[in-house]
Amino acid sequence: MPLPAPPKTAPPPGRSILRDPSFLRLWIAATASGLATWALPFVLGLAVLDHRLGAAGLGLVLAARTAGFLVAVLVGGVLADRHSRRAVVLWSASAAALAAPLLAAGLGRSLALMTGAAVLAGAGQGACRPAFQALTAEVVDPDRRQRANAAMTLAVRTSTLAGPTLTALLAAFVGVSTLLLGIGLLWLAAALMPGRGVAVGAPASPSARPCAGPSPHPSARPARRASFRAEFVDGVREARRHPWFLAGLGALTAVIALGYSATSVALPLISRDRYGSEWVLAAALTAYTVGALAGALVTARLRPRAPGWVAFAGLGAYGFAPLSLMLPVHPVVVVAAYVVAGIGIELFNVPWFTAAQREVAPDKLARVSSLDFLVSYGLAPVGLALIAPAITVFGVTPVLAVCAAACFLVPAAAALAPTARHLGRPSTTAD
């Protein structure tokens, strides 16, 4: 009789989470997918400059990618809870990889082919997101998940900076079609890099399997799997069990749909009309990303007594961005406000993801994560569509004032929800 395997010892507290091989592979995959995601719009913009794609065509292709993302993020959440999360990443990232050569083939020849390929690319990106969230919970022990989530968000923010920058450098040497193929290779790396995942409910090792018993009666049949709709509704039901999650999702949606949308429209206008230069636009956006990187580094170690209240305060800090655009202040004030907003958003994001991995039932985590991405990202285009007409009718300053007030007040109200102080039950673990 073989001896049981020795228990897995926890890694030393000071050891970097990136020295864990399983998580490192997952982190590299997430970084590759992030680079591919942020590079694609930039590459398509270069195609417009090369007159191989019109402005209207660019808008159609990007809208098709967004539509594919929103549909697939729901489907991906259900699939990642039904099957191995690793398999969902493999097939969804492979679909995005396949879309890249199709985009290259349609460039300058067939807008219909490019539109279809963009839907496929968005679908691959969307299906990956909840699977990556759930995989993080599978490969990292609970005491180290906050560090892991901070590392994942560092990958996202670094991709935001590096994706367009690397693309611009490569564009000096290769054409747009080659760049699109390179994006496909990044997606292929994202598909193949993560280690083998374990499906929810599957035993982690042979020693965890139950002892063999008598064979079932021949007439016994496996339970019929619930329908896709029923499993999705089950995920919604799980989300409703957590008041902190519903309150946080509402606050995040308000900040993205109002605050982020308002600044996305107003910042280019104010940079041009008030300051007479595009450098304020570039500096503010860079400052936001740098602030987010700093926020992720801080949050990796931060262990406040009321993590939920700190998270909601960080989310509300985005209100300083529209507030800085309301008055004719020095450009340095605008840049500083965007740094604060970037720090704040990661003070929210990292504990938010960690709380979901801790509080949500493991077999429903991907579905709940997909609801998070769907609602928060899905309503952002609605906000963008409404902000521009509102600025035309009411003016920039009143719209920014309303949006800044919403950014401050809605997260403050969400912090009063039951269980919001700790984002669930109080956590006593520390890494």
Protein backbone atom coordinates (compact mmCIF):
# COMPACT_ATOMS: atom_id res chain seq x y z
CA MET A 1 0.00 0.00 0.00
CA PRO A 2 1.62 3.32 -1.03
CA LEU A 3 2.26 5.87 1.66
CA PRO A 4 0.15 9.03 1.50
CA ALA A 5 1.79 12.09 -0.01
CA PRO A 6 3.21 14.50 2.56
CA PRO A 7 1.12 17.64 3.13
CA LYS A 8 2.00 20.60 0.99
CA THR A 9 3.85 23.15 3.04
CA ALA A 10 3.00 26.81 2.75
CA PRO A 11 5.64 28.99 1.06
CA PRO A 12 7.66 31.32 3.29
CA PRO A 13 5.77 34.56 4.06
CA GLY A 14 8.35 36.80 2.38
CA ARG A 15 8.64 34.78 -0.81
CA SER A 16 7.45 36.52 -3.98
CA ILE A 17 4.22 35.16 -5.38
CA LEU A 18 5.86 35.14 -8.82
CA ARG A 19 8.25 32.41 -7.64
CA ASP A 20 5.32 30.01 -7.56
CA PRO A 21 5.60 28.19 -10.93
CA SER A 22 1.86 27.63 -11.33
CA PHE A 23 1.00 31.25 -10.69
CA LEU A 24 3.94 32.52 -12.75
CA ARG A 25 2.61 30.66 -15.80
CA LEU A 26 -0.85 32.10 -15.19
CA TRP A 27 0.60 35.59 -14.74
CA ILE A 28 2.56 35.35 -17.99
CA ALA A 29 -0.60 34.24 -19.79
CA ALA A 30 -2.57 37.16 -18.35
CA THR A 31 0.21 39.57 -19.32
CA ALA A 32 0.27 38.24 -22.89
CA SER A 33 -3.51 38.57 -23.19
CA GLY A 34 -3.33 42.10 -21.77
CA LEU A 35 -0.66 43.15 -24.27
CA ALA A 36 -2.72 41.71 -27.12
CA THR A 37 -5.87 43.42 -25.90
CA TRP A 38 -4.34 46.88 -25.61
CA ALA A 39 -2.27 46.60 -28.80
CA LEU A 40 -5.16 45.75 -31.14
CA PRO A 41 -6.92 49.17 -31.18
CA PHE A 42 -3.55 50.87 -31.68
CA VAL A 43 -2.66 48.61 -34.60
CA LEU A 44 -6.05 49.21 -36.19
CA GLY A 45 -5.45 52.95 -35.74
CA LEU A 46 -2.20 52.54 -37.69
CA ALA A 47 -4.23 50.88 -40.44
CA VAL A 48 -6.35 54.04 -40.63
CA LEU A 49 -3.20 56.15 -40.99
CA ASP A 50 -2.08 53.81 -43.79
CA HIS A 51 -5.47 54.32 -45.51
CA ARG A 52 -6.13 50.57 -45.39
CA LEU A 53 -9.09 51.08 -43.06
CA GLY A 54 -11.51 53.99 -42.88
CA ALA A 55 -12.59 55.78 -39.72
CA ALA A 56 -16.11 54.37 -40.01
CA GLY A 57 -14.66 50.90 -40.54
CA LEU A 58 -12.48 51.29 -37.45
CA GLY A 59 -15.52 52.20 -35.38
CA LEU A 60 -17.44 49.21 -36.72
CA VAL A 61 -14.60 46.77 -36.02
CA LEU A 62 -14.06 48.05 -32.47
CA ALA A 63 -17.80 47.96 -31.78
CA ALA A 64 -17.92 44.37 -33.05
CA ARG A 65 -15.09 43.44 -30.69
CA THR A 66 -16.95 45.00 -27.76
CA ALA A 67 -20.14 43.12 -28.66
CA GLY A 68 -18.23 39.85 -28.82
CA PHE A 69 -16.68 40.56 -25.44
CA LEU A 70 -19.99 41.29 -23.71
CA VAL A 71 -21.68 38.15 -25.03
CA ALA A 72 -18.73 35.86 -24.37
CA VAL A 73 -18.04 37.10 -20.86
CA LEU A 74 -21.41 35.67 -19.81
CA VAL A 75 -20.97 32.43 -21.70
CA GLY A 76 -17.40 32.10 -20.47
CA GLY A 77 -18.47 32.44 -16.86
CA VAL A 78 -20.89 29.52 -17.14
CA LEU A 79 -18.41 27.39 -19.10
CA ALA A 80 -15.59 28.06 -16.64
CA ASP A 81 -17.82 26.79 -13.81
CA ARG A 82 -18.95 23.75 -15.84
CA HIS A 83 -15.54 22.68 -17.11
CA SER A 84 -11.85 23.05 -16.41
CA ARG A 85 -10.95 26.74 -16.21
CA ARG A 86 -7.67 25.87 -17.93
CA ALA A 87 -9.60 24.44 -20.88
CA VAL A 88 -11.73 27.59 -21.14
CA VAL A 89 -8.59 29.74 -21.29
CA LEU A 90 -7.09 27.41 -23.89
CA TRP A 91 -10.04 27.53 -26.28
CA SER A 92 -11.03 31.16 -25.78
CA ALA A 93 -7.48 32.48 -26.19
CA SER A 94 -7.03 30.19 -29.21
CA ALA A 95 -10.15 31.77 -30.74
CA ALA A 96 -8.66 35.22 -30.23
CA ALA A 97 -5.39 33.98 -31.76
CA LEU A 98 -7.29 32.71 -34.81
CA ALA A 99 -8.98 36.10 -35.21
CA ALA A 100 -5.64 37.87 -35.74
CA PRO A 101 -4.76 36.34 -39.17
CA LEU A 102 -8.38 36.78 -40.22
CA LEU A 103 -8.11 40.49 -39.41
CA ALA A 104 -4.89 40.65 -41.42
CA ALA A 105 -6.52 38.84 -44.34
CA GLY A 106 -9.46 41.24 -44.39
CA LEU A 107 -7.40 44.41 -44.02
CA GLY A 108 -7.96 46.55 -47.08
CA ARG A 109 -9.97 43.79 -48.75
CA SER A 110 -13.09 42.87 -46.77
CA LEU A 111 -14.63 44.90 -43.98
CA ALA A 112 -17.15 42.10 -43.40
CA LEU A 113 -14.32 39.62 -42.73
CA MET A 114 -12.65 42.06 -40.35
CA THR A 115 -15.92 42.64 -38.50
CA GLY A 116 -16.48 38.92 -38.04
CA ALA A 117 -12.90 38.44 -36.91
CA ALA A 118 -13.30 41.28 -34.42
CA VAL A 119 -16.33 39.57 -32.91
CA LEU A 120 -14.23 36.41 -32.54
CA ALA A 121 -11.37 38.37 -30.96
CA GLY A 122 -13.70 40.05 -28.48
CA ALA A 123 -15.34 36.73 -27.66
CA GLY A 124 -11.98 35.15 -26.89
CA GLN A 125 -11.00 38.08 -24.71
CA GLY A 126 -14.32 38.07 -22.87
CA ALA A 127 -14.40 34.34 -22.16
CA CYS A 128 -10.87 34.51 -20.74
CA ARG A 129 -11.62 37.10 -18.07
CA PRO A 130 -13.78 35.10 -15.62
CA ALA A 131 -11.64 31.99 -16.22
CA PHE A 132 -8.47 33.88 -15.25
CA GLN A 133 -10.20 35.13 -12.09
CA ALA A 134 -11.26 31.63 -11.09
CA LEU A 135 -7.87 30.11 -12.00
CA THR A 136 -6.14 32.52 -9.63
CA ALA A 137 -8.23 31.14 -6.79
CA GLU A 138 -7.36 27.58 -7.87
CA VAL A 139 -3.58 27.92 -8.06
CA VAL A 140 -2.97 30.29 -5.11
CA ASP A 141 -3.69 29.48 -1.47
CA PRO A 142 -6.09 31.90 0.31
CA ASP A 143 -3.39 33.60 2.41
CA ARG A 144 -1.55 34.79 -0.71
CA ARG A 145 -4.40 35.73 -3.02
CA GLN A 146 -4.21 39.44 -2.33
CA ARG A 147 -0.59 39.44 -3.49
CA ALA A 148 -1.58 37.37 -6.49
CA ASN A 149 -4.38 39.76 -7.46
CA ALA A 150 -2.03 42.71 -7.04
CA ALA A 151 0.44 40.99 -9.37
CA MET A 152 -2.34 40.34 -11.90
CA THR A 153 -3.43 43.97 -11.89
CA LEU A 154 0.22 45.01 -12.26
CA ALA A 155 0.27 42.91 -15.42
CA VAL A 156 -2.83 44.71 -16.71
CA ARG A 157 -1.49 48.18 -15.97
CA THR A 158 1.93 47.39 -17.39
CA SER A 159 0.23 46.14 -20.53
CA THR A 160 -1.67 49.43 -20.76
CA LEU A 161 1.64 51.27 -20.95
CA ALA A 162 3.73 48.74 -22.84
CA GLY A 163 1.17 47.55 -25.42
CA PRO A 164 0.84 50.77 -27.45
CA THR A 165 4.48 51.74 -26.83
CA LEU A 166 5.90 48.45 -28.10
CA THR A 167 3.49 48.52 -31.02
CA ALA A 168 4.64 52.01 -32.01
CA LEU A 169 8.28 50.90 -31.90
CA LEU A 170 7.64 47.77 -33.96
CA ALA A 171 5.59 49.77 -36.47
CA ALA A 172 8.80 51.48 -37.55
CA PHE A 173 10.11 48.14 -38.82
CA VAL A 174 7.13 45.97 -39.81
CA GLY A 175 3.74 46.49 -41.41
CA VAL A 176 0.26 46.44 -39.92
CA SER A 177 -0.46 42.90 -41.11
CA THR A 178 2.67 41.60 -39.39
CA LEU A 179 1.68 43.39 -36.19
CA LEU A 180 -1.72 41.70 -36.32
CA LEU A 181 -0.03 38.32 -36.65
CA GLY A 182 2.13 39.22 -33.65
CA ILE A 183 -1.03 39.87 -31.63
CA GLY A 184 -2.16 36.40 -32.62
CA LEU A 185 1.09 34.94 -31.25
CA LEU A 186 0.50 36.74 -27.94
CA TRP A 187 -2.94 35.16 -27.71
CA LEU A 188 -1.44 31.78 -28.55
CA ALA A 189 1.01 32.21 -25.67
CA ALA A 190 -1.91 33.09 -23.39
CA ALA A 191 -3.66 29.90 -24.49
CA LEU A 192 -0.73 27.56 -23.93
CA MET A 193 1.09 29.07 -20.96
CA PRO A 194 -1.18 28.36 -17.92
CA GLY A 195 -0.56 25.08 -16.12
CA ARG A 196 -3.15 22.37 -16.09
CA GLY A 197 -6.22 23.49 -14.17
CA VAL A 198 -8.51 21.31 -12.11
CA ALA A 199 -12.23 21.44 -12.78
CA VAL A 200 -14.33 22.58 -9.84
CA GLY A 201 -15.29 19.55 -7.77
CA ALA A 202 -12.58 17.34 -9.30
CA PRO A 203 -10.15 15.75 -6.85
CA ALA A 204 -6.82 17.53 -6.67
CA SER A 205 -4.80 14.33 -6.43
CA PRO A 206 -5.32 10.55 -6.53
CA SER A 207 -5.12 10.46 -2.74
CA ALA A 208 -8.18 12.71 -2.61
CA ARG A 209 -10.35 10.29 -4.53
CA PRO A 210 -12.97 8.45 -2.51
CA CYS A 211 -12.48 4.74 -1.89
CA ALA A 212 -14.04 2.51 -4.47
CA GLY A 213 -17.44 1.20 -3.48
CA PRO A 214 -19.90 -1.19 -5.03
CA SER A 215 -20.79 -0.59 -8.65
CA PRO A 216 -23.97 1.42 -9.16
CA HIS A 217 -27.12 -0.31 -10.27
CA PRO A 218 -27.23 -0.63 -14.06
CA SER A 219 -30.37 1.47 -14.18
CA ALA A 220 -28.67 4.38 -12.44
CA ARG A 221 -28.08 7.41 -14.64
CA PRO A 222 -25.90 10.44 -13.98
CA ALA A 223 -27.80 13.54 -12.98
CA ARG A 224 -28.80 15.66 -15.94
CA ARG A 225 -26.83 18.88 -16.19
CA ALA A 226 -28.85 22.04 -15.64
CA SER A 227 -29.54 24.22 -18.65
CA PHE A 228 -27.30 27.14 -19.51
CA ARG A 229 -29.99 29.59 -18.40
CA ALA A 230 -30.48 27.79 -15.10
CA GLU A 231 -26.75 27.83 -14.36
CA PHE A 232 -26.56 31.52 -15.21
CA VAL A 233 -29.51 32.27 -12.93
CA ASP A 234 -27.79 30.23 -10.23
CA GLY A 235 -24.79 32.53 -10.56
CA VAL A 236 -27.03 35.59 -10.21
CA ARG A 237 -28.58 34.02 -7.13
CA GLU A 238 -25.11 33.48 -5.65
CA ALA A 239 -24.21 37.14 -6.31
CA ARG A 240 -27.39 38.29 -4.54
CA ARG A 241 -26.33 36.38 -1.43
CA HIS A 242 -23.55 38.94 -0.86
CA PRO A 243 -24.78 42.49 -0.06
CA TRP A 244 -21.23 43.86 -0.25
CA PHE A 245 -20.93 42.55 -3.81
CA LEU A 246 -24.17 44.12 -5.02
CA ALA A 247 -23.31 47.44 -3.38
CA GLY A 248 -19.78 47.40 -4.77
CA LEU A 249 -20.95 46.50 -8.25
CA GLY A 250 -23.40 49.39 -8.21
CA ALA A 251 -20.69 51.80 -7.06
CA LEU A 252 -18.20 50.53 -9.64
CA THR A 253 -20.78 50.86 -12.39
CA ALA A 254 -21.56 54.46 -11.38
CA VAL A 255 -17.88 55.42 -11.36
CA ILE A 256 -17.19 53.81 -14.75
CA ALA A 257 -20.40 54.85 -16.52
CA LEU A 258 -20.36 58.43 -15.19
CA GLY A 259 -16.91 59.40 -13.91
CA TYR A 260 -14.73 57.48 -16.34
CA SER A 261 -16.99 58.24 -19.29
CA ALA A 262 -17.14 61.95 -18.47
CA THR A 263 -13.39 62.29 -18.19
CA SER A 264 -12.84 60.27 -21.37
CA VAL A 265 -14.92 62.81 -23.30
CA ALA A 266 -13.96 65.98 -21.42
CA LEU A 267 -10.21 65.51 -20.97
CA PRO A 268 -9.30 65.76 -24.69
CA LEU A 269 -11.54 68.82 -25.07
CA ILE A 270 -10.12 70.59 -22.03
CA SER A 271 -6.54 69.68 -22.94
CA ARG A 272 -7.06 71.29 -26.35
CA ASP A 273 -9.27 74.28 -25.48
CA ARG A 274 -8.04 75.28 -21.99
CA TYR A 275 -4.38 74.35 -22.12
CA GLY A 276 -3.82 74.57 -25.88
CA SER A 277 -1.84 71.35 -26.05
CA GLU A 278 -2.34 67.60 -26.19
CA TRP A 279 0.41 67.00 -23.63
CA VAL A 280 -2.01 67.44 -20.72
CA LEU A 281 -4.11 64.60 -22.17
CA ALA A 282 -1.08 62.34 -22.51
CA ALA A 283 0.33 63.29 -19.10
CA ALA A 284 -2.98 62.71 -17.31
CA LEU A 285 -3.55 59.28 -18.84
CA THR A 286 0.03 58.25 -18.10
CA ALA A 287 -0.31 59.56 -14.54
CA TYR A 288 -3.46 57.47 -14.04
CA THR A 289 -1.65 54.29 -15.09
CA VAL A 290 1.42 55.10 -12.97
CA GLY A 291 -0.87 55.77 -10.01
CA ALA A 292 -2.60 52.44 -10.58
CA LEU A 293 0.77 50.65 -10.62
CA ALA A 294 1.67 52.33 -7.33
CA GLY A 295 -1.72 51.45 -5.89
CA ALA A 296 -1.28 47.79 -6.79
CA LEU A 297 2.14 47.70 -5.11
CA VAL A 298 0.74 49.29 -1.95
CA THR A 299 -2.32 47.05 -1.84
CA ALA A 300 -0.22 43.89 -2.09
CA ARG A 301 0.91 44.54 1.49
CA LEU A 302 -1.90 46.69 2.89
CA ARG A 303 -4.00 45.01 5.60
CA PRO A 304 -6.41 47.60 7.04
CA ARG A 305 -8.87 46.75 9.79
CA ALA A 306 -11.80 47.76 7.58
CA PRO A 307 -10.69 46.70 4.07
CA GLY A 308 -14.11 47.36 2.54
CA TRP A 309 -14.23 50.95 3.72
CA VAL A 310 -10.72 51.55 2.41
CA ALA A 311 -11.68 49.96 -0.91
CA PHE A 312 -14.77 52.12 -1.33
CA ALA A 313 -12.81 55.23 -0.35
CA GLY A 314 -10.29 54.34 -3.05
CA LEU A 315 -13.06 53.90 -5.61
CA GLY A 316 -14.53 57.27 -4.64
CA ALA A 317 -11.13 58.90 -5.16
CA TYR A 318 -11.79 58.76 -8.90
CA GLY A 319 -14.02 61.79 -8.32
CA PHE A 320 -10.88 63.94 -8.10
CA ALA A 321 -10.34 63.42 -11.84
CA PRO A 322 -13.56 65.12 -13.05
CA LEU A 323 -13.24 67.63 -10.18
CA SER A 324 -9.82 68.75 -11.43
CA LEU A 325 -11.25 69.36 -14.91
CA MET A 326 -14.02 71.67 -13.69
CA LEU A 327 -11.86 74.70 -12.87
CA PRO A 328 -8.95 76.40 -14.70
CA VAL A 329 -6.28 74.99 -12.41
CA HIS A 330 -2.61 74.47 -13.21
CA PRO A 331 -1.99 71.36 -15.35
CA VAL A 332 0.04 69.84 -12.51
CA VAL A 333 -3.15 69.71 -10.43
CA VAL A 334 -4.87 67.73 -13.17
CA VAL A 335 -1.97 65.29 -13.40
CA ALA A 336 -1.88 64.90 -9.60
CA ALA A 337 -5.63 64.23 -9.53
CA TYR A 338 -5.20 61.44 -12.06
CA VAL A 339 -2.40 59.91 -9.98
CA VAL A 340 -4.74 59.87 -6.96
CA ALA A 341 -7.52 58.36 -9.08
CA GLY A 342 -5.19 55.63 -10.32
CA ILE A 343 -4.01 54.76 -6.81
CA GLY A 344 -7.60 54.69 -5.59
CA ILE A 345 -8.91 52.38 -8.28
CA GLU A 346 -6.41 49.68 -7.31
CA LEU A 347 -7.12 50.18 -3.62
CA PHE A 348 -10.56 48.99 -4.68
CA ASN A 349 -9.80 46.41 -7.36
CA VAL A 350 -7.35 44.18 -5.50
CA PRO A 351 -9.42 43.70 -2.30
CA TRP A 352 -12.54 43.38 -4.46
CA PHE A 353 -11.17 40.46 -6.47
CA THR A 354 -9.70 38.87 -3.34
CA ALA A 355 -13.01 39.11 -1.50
CA ALA A 356 -14.87 37.47 -4.38
CA GLN A 357 -12.40 34.57 -4.38
CA ARG A 358 -12.83 34.20 -0.62
CA GLU A 359 -16.59 34.69 -0.21
CA VAL A 360 -18.19 33.32 -3.37
CA ALA A 361 -18.82 29.58 -3.65
CA PRO A 362 -15.87 28.14 -5.65
CA ASP A 363 -18.12 26.39 -8.18
CA LYS A 364 -19.88 29.71 -8.94
CA LEU A 365 -16.90 32.07 -8.87
CA ALA A 366 -16.51 32.37 -12.65
CA ARG A 367 -20.20 33.18 -13.12
CA VAL A 368 -20.16 35.86 -10.44
CA SER A 369 -16.94 37.31 -11.93
CA SER A 370 -18.59 37.40 -15.36
CA LEU A 371 -21.47 39.44 -13.90
CA ASP A 372 -18.90 41.84 -12.50
CA PHE A 373 -17.24 42.35 -15.89
CA LEU A 374 -20.54 42.44 -17.78
CA VAL A 375 -22.24 45.09 -15.68
CA SER A 376 -19.25 47.34 -15.05
CA TYR A 377 -17.80 47.20 -18.58
CA GLY A 378 -21.12 46.72 -20.37
CA LEU A 379 -22.58 50.00 -19.15
CA ALA A 380 -19.44 52.00 -19.98
CA PRO A 381 -20.43 52.42 -23.68
CA VAL A 382 -23.84 53.61 -22.54
CA GLY A 383 -22.18 56.27 -20.41
CA LEU A 384 -19.95 57.34 -23.28
CA ALA A 385 -22.98 57.60 -25.57
CA LEU A 386 -24.86 59.83 -23.12
CA ILE A 387 -22.07 62.06 -21.82
CA ALA A 388 -21.30 63.78 -25.14
CA PRO A 389 -24.93 64.91 -25.76
CA ALA A 390 -25.19 65.97 -22.11
CA ILE A 391 -22.09 68.16 -22.48
CA THR A 392 -23.58 69.69 -25.63
CA VAL A 393 -26.86 70.54 -23.86
CA PHE A 394 -25.69 71.50 -20.34
CA GLY A 395 -22.02 72.34 -20.79
CA VAL A 396 -18.84 70.69 -19.60
CA THR A 397 -18.72 72.07 -16.05
CA PRO A 398 -22.23 71.04 -14.89
CA VAL A 399 -21.81 67.54 -16.32
CA LEU A 400 -18.42 67.13 -14.65
CA ALA A 401 -19.87 68.40 -11.36
CA VAL A 402 -22.66 65.81 -11.42
CA CYS A 403 -20.27 63.02 -12.33
CA ALA A 404 -17.74 64.03 -9.64
CA ALA A 405 -20.52 64.10 -7.04
CA ALA A 406 -21.65 60.63 -8.14
CA CYS A 407 -18.09 59.29 -7.83
CA PHE A 408 -17.86 60.56 -4.26
CA LEU A 409 -21.37 59.80 -3.03
CA VAL A 410 -22.24 56.41 -4.56
CA PRO A 411 -19.20 54.55 -3.14
CA ALA A 412 -19.82 56.26 0.23
CA ALA A 413 -23.38 54.94 0.20
CA ALA A 414 -22.17 51.48 -0.86
CA ALA A 415 -19.82 51.41 2.14
CA LEU A 416 -22.90 51.48 4.41
CA ALA A 417 -24.28 48.21 3.01
CA PRO A 418 -24.29 45.14 5.28
CA THR A 419 -20.95 43.28 5.25
CA ALA A 420 -19.36 46.12 3.22
CA ARG A 421 -16.89 47.05 5.97
CA HIS A 422 -14.94 43.80 5.51
CA LEU A 423 -16.20 42.84 2.00
CA GLY A 424 -17.79 39.79 3.57
CA ARG A 425 -16.75 38.12 6.77
CA PRO A 426 -13.79 39.64 8.63
CA SER A 427 -10.53 38.08 7.44
CA THR A 428 -7.90 37.10 9.96
CA THR A 429 -5.33 35.78 7.50
CA ALA A 430 -2.21 37.65 6.50
CA ASP A 431 0.51 36.88 4.05
